[in-house]
Amino acid sequence: MTAIRTRANVELAIENDSLPQWAKRRYRAFDETMTGEDAPYPCYFAVSAHRDGDLRYLFSPSETSDDGKATFAEELATYLDAAPSIADVTALAVFFEPPSASLSAKDYHDRFWDLLDHLHRHDPAPWPESIPTDPSDPKWEFCFAGEPIFLVARAPCYERRHSRYAPHGLEITVQPRWVFDGLGGDTEAGQNARRVIRDRLADYDDVPRHPDIGDYGEPGVREWKQYVLPDTNEERVDTFPFPEWST
C-alpha cells in the first residue's frame, strides 16, 4: 500500500490526530507557504495544484536512513506511474523527518545528492534513450523509473532565497517533465508563465534570480545546477557531483 497522500487525506489525518507531530508541522508550514497571500509563492503552478488537490504528499523517514532512501525510491516510482491520471499539472512534495540538529547548506546539498545517487543506482528502469547520459549536455536531466523529472530542494539553511526555504528539514518537490509540455521559452504560454513567476520571485526573495536559472535545453543552462541553489548569487556549483554517472 502506498504512503503517498492526497491533500484531503493529509488534512483528515491531521484532524484525526493520526499523523506524527513532525509530519503535521511539515505539512502546515508547506500549506502556509502555498496559501500565503501577502507575498504569493512564486511558482503559481504549485500554488494552484495544491489548492486544486493535484499535488501528492509523502512523509518519509530521514533522508540519511536506509528506510528513508528506500521509501523515497519506491514511492517516487509509484507516483510517476500514477501521475498522468492525476492532472496535467501535478507534483510530489516529499517531506523528510527533521534532523535532530541544525545543518549547513553543504550538509543539505550533500544529502540531496546522496539521495539522487541512491535513486540512480537503484533505478528500476533503463535511462530513457531520448535523454543524454552526460550531465554536461544541456538536454540532460535526471531520470528515474523511465521518466525525466525536475527536482527542487528546499531547506532551513536559506536566509535570503526565501523561495527555497523550508523551516523543518529537507523538502523535495518532483515534477514529471511532461508537466512543462507547451510551456517552452519559445511559446506564448511559456513566456507568460516565466514573466509571472519571475515577477513574483523578485518580490519574494531578498536576492535576485540566480544566474544558473534558465530554460531547459539552452546551450549555457545545466538543469542539475538548479536543483539545489546557493543562497547568494556569488556562489556557483560548476562540477557535477557524480561524474561516473555519465560513463
C-alpha atoms as a PDB file:
ATOM      1  CA  MET A   1       0.000   0.000   0.000  1.00  0.00           C
ATOM      2  CA  THR A   2       1.400   3.370  -0.984  1.00  0.00           C
ATOM      3  CA  ALA A   3       2.334   6.022   1.581  1.00  0.00           C
ATOM      4  CA  ILE A   4       1.545   8.821  -0.881  1.00  0.00           C
ATOM      5  CA  ARG A   5      -1.328  11.023   0.271  1.00  0.00           C
ATOM      6  CA  THR A   6      -3.749  13.498  -1.242  1.00  0.00           C
ATOM      7  CA  ARG A   7      -4.372  16.883   0.372  1.00  0.00           C
ATOM      8  CA  ALA A   8      -7.757  15.722   1.636  1.00  0.00           C
ATOM      9  CA  ASN A   9      -6.172  12.619   3.149  1.00  0.00           C
ATOM     10  CA  VAL A  10      -3.428  14.616   4.887  1.00  0.00           C
ATOM     11  CA  GLU A  11      -5.857  17.124   6.343  1.00  0.00           C
ATOM     12  CA  LEU A  12      -8.186  14.364   7.543  1.00  0.00           C
ATOM     13  CA  ALA A  13      -5.231  12.645   9.227  1.00  0.00           C
ATOM     14  CA  ILE A  14      -4.341  15.913  10.974  1.00  0.00           C
ATOM     15  CA  GLU A  15      -7.947  16.314  12.106  1.00  0.00           C
ATOM     16  CA  ASN A  16      -7.977  12.734  13.415  1.00  0.00           C
ATOM     17  CA  ASP A  17      -4.558  13.185  15.050  1.00  0.00           C
ATOM     18  CA  SER A  18      -3.157  10.193  13.144  1.00  0.00           C
ATOM     19  CA  LEU A  19      -0.085  11.922  11.695  1.00  0.00           C
ATOM     20  CA  PRO A  20       3.209  12.185  13.602  1.00  0.00           C
ATOM     21  CA  GLN A  21       3.775  15.636  15.091  1.00  0.00           C
ATOM     22  CA  TRP A  22       6.741  16.285  12.817  1.00  0.00           C
ATOM     23  CA  ALA A  23       4.639  15.494   9.762  1.00  0.00           C
ATOM     24  CA  LYS A  24       1.911  17.886  10.932  1.00  0.00           C
ATOM     25  CA  ARG A  25       4.463  20.679  11.339  1.00  0.00           C
ATOM     26  CA  ARG A  26       5.934  19.996   7.928  1.00  0.00           C
ATOM     27  CA  TYR A  27       2.599  19.991   6.148  1.00  0.00           C
ATOM     28  CA  ARG A  28       1.285  23.083   7.935  1.00  0.00           C
ATOM     29  CA  ALA A  29       4.432  25.043   7.037  1.00  0.00           C
ATOM     30  CA  PHE A  30       4.076  23.962   3.404  1.00  0.00           C
ATOM     31  CA  ASP A  31       0.381  24.827   3.349  1.00  0.00           C
ATOM     32  CA  GLU A  32       1.089  28.296   4.770  1.00  0.00           C
ATOM     33  CA  THR A  33       3.680  28.863   2.048  1.00  0.00           C
ATOM     34  CA  MET A  34       1.337  27.754  -0.739  1.00  0.00           C
ATOM     35  CA  THR A  35      -1.689  29.697   0.527  1.00  0.00           C
ATOM     36  CA  GLY A  36       0.014  32.911   1.711  1.00  0.00           C
ATOM     37  CA  GLU A  37      -1.495  35.999   0.102  1.00  0.00           C
ATOM     38  CA  ASP A  38       0.746  38.805   1.362  1.00  0.00           C
ATOM     39  CA  ALA A  39       3.638  37.529  -0.762  1.00  0.00           C
ATOM     40  CA  PRO A  40       2.348  34.777  -3.075  1.00  0.00           C
ATOM     41  CA  TYR A  41       4.714  31.875  -3.622  1.00  0.00           C
ATOM     42  CA  PRO A  42       6.440  32.432  -6.991  1.00  0.00           C
ATOM     43  CA  CYS A  43       5.562  29.134  -8.662  1.00  0.00           C
ATOM     44  CA  TYR A  44       1.866  29.634  -9.208  1.00  0.00           C
ATOM     45  CA  PHE A  45       1.627  26.192 -10.802  1.00  0.00           C
ATOM     46  CA  ALA A  46       2.464  24.638  -7.422  1.00  0.00           C
ATOM     47  CA  VAL A  47       0.090  27.016  -5.647  1.00  0.00           C
ATOM     48  CA  SER A  48      -2.767  26.095  -7.995  1.00  0.00           C
ATOM     49  CA  ALA A  49      -2.040  22.357  -7.837  1.00  0.00           C
ATOM     50  CA  HIS A  50      -2.044  22.440  -4.026  1.00  0.00           C
ATOM     51  CA  ARG A  51      -5.291  24.415  -3.984  1.00  0.00           C
ATOM     52  CA  ASP A  52      -6.967  22.115  -6.506  1.00  0.00           C
ATOM     53  CA  GLY A  53      -5.860  18.861  -4.879  1.00  0.00           C
ATOM     54  CA  ASP A  54      -3.484  17.884  -7.683  1.00  0.00           C
ATOM     55  CA  LEU A  55      -0.312  17.671  -5.584  1.00  0.00           C
ATOM     56  CA  ARG A  56       0.643  14.491  -3.796  1.00  0.00           C
ATOM     57  CA  TYR A  57       2.492  14.347  -0.470  1.00  0.00           C
ATOM     58  CA  LEU A  58       4.940  11.889   1.033  1.00  0.00           C
ATOM     59  CA  PHE A  59       6.187  11.882   4.637  1.00  0.00           C
ATOM     60  CA  SER A  60       9.428   9.921   4.694  1.00  0.00           C
ATOM     61  CA  PRO A  61      11.932   8.799   7.315  1.00  0.00           C
ATOM     62  CA  SER A  62      15.198  10.750   7.404  1.00  0.00           C
ATOM     63  CA  GLU A  63      16.942  11.157   4.073  1.00  0.00           C
ATOM     64  CA  THR A  64      20.138   9.688   5.568  1.00  0.00           C
ATOM     65  CA  SER A  65      18.498   6.450   6.719  1.00  0.00           C
ATOM     66  CA  ASP A  66      18.168   3.284   4.665  1.00  0.00           C
ATOM     67  CA  ASP A  67      14.400   3.373   5.271  1.00  0.00           C
ATOM     68  CA  GLY A  68      14.209   6.970   4.041  1.00  0.00           C
ATOM     69  CA  LYS A  69      16.130   6.247   0.859  1.00  0.00           C
ATOM     70  CA  ALA A  70      14.107   3.119   0.132  1.00  0.00           C
ATOM     71  CA  THR A  71      10.818   4.898   0.843  1.00  0.00           C
ATOM     72  CA  PHE A  72      11.709   7.774  -1.471  1.00  0.00           C
ATOM     73  CA  ALA A  73      12.695   5.451  -4.312  1.00  0.00           C
ATOM     74  CA  GLU A  74       9.698   3.121  -4.014  1.00  0.00           C
ATOM     75  CA  GLU A  75       7.093   5.831  -3.585  1.00  0.00           C
ATOM     76  CA  LEU A  76       8.555   8.039  -6.314  1.00  0.00           C
ATOM     77  CA  ALA A  77       8.241   5.164  -8.783  1.00  0.00           C
ATOM     78  CA  THR A  78       4.636   4.671  -7.665  1.00  0.00           C
ATOM     79  CA  TYR A  79       3.872   8.370  -8.066  1.00  0.00           C
ATOM     80  CA  LEU A  80       5.435   8.639 -11.528  1.00  0.00           C
ATOM     81  CA  ASP A  81       3.388   5.685 -12.730  1.00  0.00           C
ATOM     82  CA  ALA A  82       0.138   7.264 -11.481  1.00  0.00           C
ATOM     83  CA  ALA A  83       0.899  10.924 -12.248  1.00  0.00           C
ATOM     84  CA  PRO A  84      -0.635  11.063 -15.771  1.00  0.00           C
ATOM     85  CA  SER A  85      -4.017  10.122 -14.289  1.00  0.00           C
ATOM     86  CA  ILE A  86      -3.885  12.866 -11.636  1.00  0.00           C
ATOM     87  CA  ALA A  87      -3.815  16.098 -13.651  1.00  0.00           C
ATOM     88  CA  ASP A  88      -1.976  17.966 -16.394  1.00  0.00           C
ATOM     89  CA  VAL A  89      -0.051  19.824 -13.686  1.00  0.00           C
ATOM     90  CA  THR A  90       0.959  17.752 -10.693  1.00  0.00           C
ATOM     91  CA  ALA A  91       3.967  17.224  -8.436  1.00  0.00           C
ATOM     92  CA  LEU A  92       5.077  15.111  -5.498  1.00  0.00           C
ATOM     93  CA  ALA A  93       6.110  17.030  -2.370  1.00  0.00           C
ATOM     94  CA  VAL A  94       8.395  14.921  -0.180  1.00  0.00           C
ATOM     95  CA  PHE A  95       8.891  15.870   3.469  1.00  0.00           C
ATOM     96  CA  PHE A  96      11.673  14.090   5.347  1.00  0.00           C
ATOM     97  CA  GLU A  97      11.697  13.621   9.097  1.00  0.00           C
ATOM     98  CA  PRO A  98      13.568  16.627  10.520  1.00  0.00           C
ATOM     99  CA  PRO A  99      17.168  16.268  11.710  1.00  0.00           C
ATOM    100  CA  SER A 100      17.928  16.471  15.420  1.00  0.00           C
ATOM    101  CA  ALA A 101      20.440  19.335  14.956  1.00  0.00           C
ATOM    102  CA  SER A 102      20.967  22.307  12.675  1.00  0.00           C
ATOM    103  CA  LEU A 103      22.674  21.552   9.368  1.00  0.00           C
ATOM    104  CA  SER A 104      24.704  23.694   6.990  1.00  0.00           C
ATOM    105  CA  ALA A 105      23.887  24.452   3.363  1.00  0.00           C
ATOM    106  CA  LYS A 106      26.614  21.978   2.360  1.00  0.00           C
ATOM    107  CA  ASP A 107      25.021  19.307   4.537  1.00  0.00           C
ATOM    108  CA  TYR A 108      21.695  19.710   2.750  1.00  0.00           C
ATOM    109  CA  HIS A 109      23.397  19.858  -0.654  1.00  0.00           C
ATOM    110  CA  ASP A 110      25.232  16.607   0.072  1.00  0.00           C
ATOM    111  CA  ARG A 111      22.142  14.895   1.488  1.00  0.00           C
ATOM    112  CA  PHE A 112      20.105  15.802  -1.589  1.00  0.00           C
ATOM    113  CA  TRP A 113      22.714  14.458  -4.000  1.00  0.00           C
ATOM    114  CA  ASP A 114      23.223  11.338  -1.909  1.00  0.00           C
ATOM    115  CA  LEU A 115      19.512  10.645  -2.348  1.00  0.00           C
ATOM    116  CA  LEU A 116      19.762  11.136  -6.105  1.00  0.00           C
ATOM    117  CA  ASP A 117      22.776   8.835  -6.209  1.00  0.00           C
ATOM    118  CA  HIS A 118      20.700   6.200  -4.421  1.00  0.00           C
ATOM    119  CA  LEU A 119      17.870   6.655  -6.928  1.00  0.00           C
ATOM    120  CA  HIS A 120      20.268   6.428  -9.850  1.00  0.00           C
ATOM    121  CA  ARG A 121      21.871   3.247  -8.562  1.00  0.00           C
ATOM    122  CA  HIS A 122      18.515   1.615  -7.790  1.00  0.00           C
ATOM    123  CA  ASP A 123      16.613   2.774 -10.845  1.00  0.00           C
ATOM    124  CA  PRO A 124      14.027   0.119 -11.789  1.00  0.00           C
ATOM    125  CA  ALA A 125      14.065   1.150 -15.470  1.00  0.00           C
ATOM    126  CA  PRO A 126      16.698   1.898 -18.112  1.00  0.00           C
ATOM    127  CA  TRP A 127      17.700   5.511 -18.727  1.00  0.00           C
ATOM    128  CA  PRO A 128      15.404   6.898 -21.475  1.00  0.00           C
ATOM    129  CA  GLU A 129      17.081   6.804 -24.896  1.00  0.00           C
ATOM    130  CA  SER A 130      15.883  10.344 -25.652  1.00  0.00           C
ATOM    131  CA  ILE A 131      17.816  11.872 -22.716  1.00  0.00           C
ATOM    132  CA  PRO A 132      21.629  12.263 -22.832  1.00  0.00           C
ATOM    133  CA  THR A 133      23.539  10.495 -20.076  1.00  0.00           C
ATOM    134  CA  ASP A 134      26.213  13.205 -19.902  1.00  0.00           C
ATOM    135  CA  PRO A 135      25.274  15.973 -17.401  1.00  0.00           C
ATOM    136  CA  SER A 136      27.347  18.477 -19.383  1.00  0.00           C
ATOM    137  CA  ASP A 137      24.817  18.187 -22.213  1.00  0.00           C
ATOM    138  CA  PRO A 138      22.133  20.936 -21.974  1.00  0.00           C
ATOM    139  CA  LYS A 139      19.480  18.315 -22.767  1.00  0.00           C
ATOM    140  CA  TRP A 140      20.440  16.204 -19.750  1.00  0.00           C
ATOM    141  CA  GLU A 141      18.031  15.927 -16.855  1.00  0.00           C
ATOM    142  CA  PHE A 142      17.627  13.460 -14.063  1.00  0.00           C
ATOM    143  CA  CYS A 143      15.553  10.400 -14.893  1.00  0.00           C
ATOM    144  CA  PHE A 144      14.022   7.730 -12.704  1.00  0.00           C
ATOM    145  CA  ALA A 145      11.676   4.836 -13.429  1.00  0.00           C
ATOM    146  CA  GLY A 146      11.882   5.734 -17.118  1.00  0.00           C
ATOM    147  CA  GLU A 147      10.707   9.324 -16.568  1.00  0.00           C
ATOM    148  CA  PRO A 148      12.638  12.590 -16.976  1.00  0.00           C
ATOM    149  CA  ILE A 149      11.920  14.682 -13.881  1.00  0.00           C
ATOM    150  CA  PHE A 150      12.679  18.123 -12.473  1.00  0.00           C
ATOM    151  CA  LEU A 151      13.503  18.386  -8.778  1.00  0.00           C
ATOM    152  CA  VAL A 152      13.573  21.357  -6.414  1.00  0.00           C
ATOM    153  CA  ALA A 153      15.147  21.188  -2.965  1.00  0.00           C
ATOM    154  CA  ARG A 154      14.080  23.455  -0.106  1.00  0.00           C
ATOM    155  CA  ALA A 155      15.687  23.501   3.343  1.00  0.00           C
ATOM    156  CA  PRO A 156      16.135  25.536   6.557  1.00  0.00           C
ATOM    157  CA  CYS A 157      19.584  26.816   5.514  1.00  0.00           C
ATOM    158  CA  TYR A 158      18.242  29.571   3.234  1.00  0.00           C
ATOM    159  CA  GLU A 159      18.253  33.110   4.640  1.00  0.00           C
ATOM    160  CA  ARG A 160      17.804  35.266   1.523  1.00  0.00           C
ATOM    161  CA  ARG A 161      16.404  32.925  -1.109  1.00  0.00           C
ATOM    162  CA  HIS A 162      13.069  32.521   0.671  1.00  0.00           C
ATOM    163  CA  SER A 163      11.514  30.578  -2.199  1.00  0.00           C
ATOM    164  CA  ARG A 164      13.895  27.715  -1.297  1.00  0.00           C
ATOM    165  CA  TYR A 165      13.285  27.942   2.460  1.00  0.00           C
ATOM    166  CA  ALA A 166      11.539  25.183   4.392  1.00  0.00           C
ATOM    167  CA  PRO A 167      11.713  25.549   8.176  1.00  0.00           C
ATOM    168  CA  HIS A 168      11.769  21.945   9.400  1.00  0.00           C
ATOM    169  CA  GLY A 169      14.151  19.966   7.194  1.00  0.00           C
ATOM    170  CA  LEU A 170      14.808  18.816   3.650  1.00  0.00           C
ATOM    171  CA  GLU A 171      11.877  19.032   1.263  1.00  0.00           C
ATOM    172  CA  ILE A 172      12.000  17.849  -2.340  1.00  0.00           C
ATOM    173  CA  THR A 173       9.388  18.603  -4.972  1.00  0.00           C
ATOM    174  CA  VAL A 174       9.382  16.325  -8.022  1.00  0.00           C
ATOM    175  CA  GLN A 175       7.683  17.193 -11.300  1.00  0.00           C
ATOM    176  CA  PRO A 176       7.485  14.935 -14.353  1.00  0.00           C
ATOM    177  CA  ARG A 177       8.984  16.646 -17.392  1.00  0.00           C
ATOM    178  CA  TRP A 178       5.720  16.330 -19.335  1.00  0.00           C
ATOM    179  CA  VAL A 179       4.159  18.890 -16.949  1.00  0.00           C
ATOM    180  CA  PHE A 180       6.140  21.508 -18.886  1.00  0.00           C
ATOM    181  CA  ASP A 181       4.916  20.443 -22.331  1.00  0.00           C
ATOM    182  CA  GLY A 182       3.716  23.507 -24.210  1.00  0.00           C
ATOM    183  CA  LEU A 183       5.480  25.850 -21.781  1.00  0.00           C
ATOM    184  CA  GLY A 184       8.830  26.204 -23.524  1.00  0.00           C
ATOM    185  CA  GLY A 185      10.528  29.574 -23.733  1.00  0.00           C
ATOM    186  CA  ASP A 186       9.562  29.794 -27.399  1.00  0.00           C
ATOM    187  CA  THR A 187       5.816  29.615 -26.665  1.00  0.00           C
ATOM    188  CA  GLU A 188       3.480  32.420 -25.655  1.00  0.00           C
ATOM    189  CA  ALA A 189       2.215  30.397 -22.700  1.00  0.00           C
ATOM    190  CA  GLY A 190       5.763  29.709 -21.575  1.00  0.00           C
ATOM    191  CA  GLN A 191       6.805  33.329 -21.870  1.00  0.00           C
ATOM    192  CA  ASN A 192       3.771  34.466 -19.867  1.00  0.00           C
ATOM    193  CA  ALA A 193       4.455  31.864 -17.170  1.00  0.00           C
ATOM    194  CA  ARG A 194       8.092  32.937 -16.865  1.00  0.00           C
ATOM    195  CA  ARG A 195       7.123  36.593 -16.609  1.00  0.00           C
ATOM    196  CA  VAL A 196       4.649  35.960 -13.797  1.00  0.00           C
ATOM    197  CA  ILE A 197       6.951  33.625 -11.875  1.00  0.00           C
ATOM    198  CA  ARG A 198       9.962  35.912 -12.183  1.00  0.00           C
ATOM    199  CA  ASP A 199       7.974  38.966 -11.113  1.00  0.00           C
ATOM    200  CA  ARG A 200       6.721  37.124  -8.068  1.00  0.00           C
ATOM    201  CA  LEU A 201      10.206  35.771  -7.371  1.00  0.00           C
ATOM    202  CA  ALA A 202      11.637  39.302  -7.355  1.00  0.00           C
ATOM    203  CA  ASP A 203       9.120  40.250  -4.647  1.00  0.00           C
ATOM    204  CA  TYR A 204       9.540  37.033  -2.662  1.00  0.00           C
ATOM    205  CA  ASP A 205      13.310  36.669  -2.377  1.00  0.00           C
ATOM    206  CA  ASP A 206      15.884  39.060  -0.918  1.00  0.00           C
ATOM    207  CA  VAL A 207      18.329  38.156  -3.664  1.00  0.00           C
ATOM    208  CA  PRO A 208      17.930  38.350  -7.471  1.00  0.00           C
ATOM    209  CA  ARG A 209      17.274  35.259  -9.548  1.00  0.00           C
ATOM    210  CA  HIS A 210      20.345  33.015  -9.545  1.00  0.00           C
ATOM    211  CA  PRO A 211      22.370  33.157 -12.785  1.00  0.00           C
ATOM    212  CA  ASP A 212      22.177  29.357 -13.149  1.00  0.00           C
ATOM    213  CA  ILE A 213      18.396  29.558 -13.614  1.00  0.00           C
ATOM    214  CA  GLY A 214      17.442  29.228 -17.260  1.00  0.00           C
ATOM    215  CA  ASP A 215      15.369  27.331 -19.788  1.00  0.00           C
ATOM    216  CA  TYR A 216      15.917  23.624 -20.272  1.00  0.00           C
ATOM    217  CA  GLY A 217      17.963  22.872 -23.365  1.00  0.00           C
ATOM    218  CA  GLU A 218      19.550  26.298 -23.786  1.00  0.00           C
ATOM    219  CA  PRO A 219      23.298  25.995 -24.546  1.00  0.00           C
ATOM    220  CA  GLY A 220      24.504  27.680 -21.342  1.00  0.00           C
ATOM    221  CA  VAL A 221      21.967  26.077 -18.993  1.00  0.00           C
ATOM    222  CA  ARG A 222      22.557  22.919 -16.960  1.00  0.00           C
ATOM    223  CA  GLU A 223      19.410  21.688 -15.297  1.00  0.00           C
ATOM    224  CA  TRP A 224      21.174  19.890 -12.439  1.00  0.00           C
ATOM    225  CA  LYS A 225      22.566  23.211 -11.165  1.00  0.00           C
ATOM    226  CA  GLN A 226      19.025  24.385 -10.433  1.00  0.00           C
ATOM    227  CA  TYR A 227      18.071  21.521  -8.125  1.00  0.00           C
ATOM    228  CA  VAL A 228      19.860  22.909  -5.036  1.00  0.00           C
ATOM    229  CA  LEU A 229      20.559  26.627  -5.411  1.00  0.00           C
ATOM    230  CA  PRO A 230      23.062  28.563  -3.278  1.00  0.00           C
ATOM    231  CA  ASP A 231      21.671  31.268  -1.022  1.00  0.00           C
ATOM    232  CA  THR A 232      23.655  34.002  -2.801  1.00  0.00           C
ATOM    233  CA  ASN A 233      24.397  34.667  -6.456  1.00  0.00           C
ATOM    234  CA  GLU A 234      28.128  34.818  -5.821  1.00  0.00           C
ATOM    235  CA  GLU A 235      28.124  31.092  -5.085  1.00  0.00           C
ATOM    236  CA  ARG A 236      28.219  28.739  -8.064  1.00  0.00           C
ATOM    237  CA  VAL A 237      28.467  24.972  -8.358  1.00  0.00           C
ATOM    238  CA  ASP A 238      30.373  24.083 -11.518  1.00  0.00           C
ATOM    239  CA  THR A 239      31.231  20.413 -11.001  1.00  0.00           C
ATOM    240  CA  PHE A 240      28.630  17.670 -11.291  1.00  0.00           C
ATOM    241  CA  PRO A 241      28.694  15.661  -8.039  1.00  0.00           C
ATOM    242  CA  PHE A 242      28.910  12.219  -9.670  1.00  0.00           C
ATOM    243  CA  PRO A 243      30.984  12.250 -12.878  1.00  0.00           C
ATOM    244  CA  GLU A 244      30.858   8.456 -13.054  1.00  0.00           C
ATOM    245  CA  TRP A 245      27.147   8.619 -13.919  1.00  0.00           C
ATOM    246  CA  SER A 246      27.996   9.592 -17.497  1.00  0.00           C
ATOM    247  CA  THR A 247      30.321   6.642 -18.059  1.00  0.00           C
END
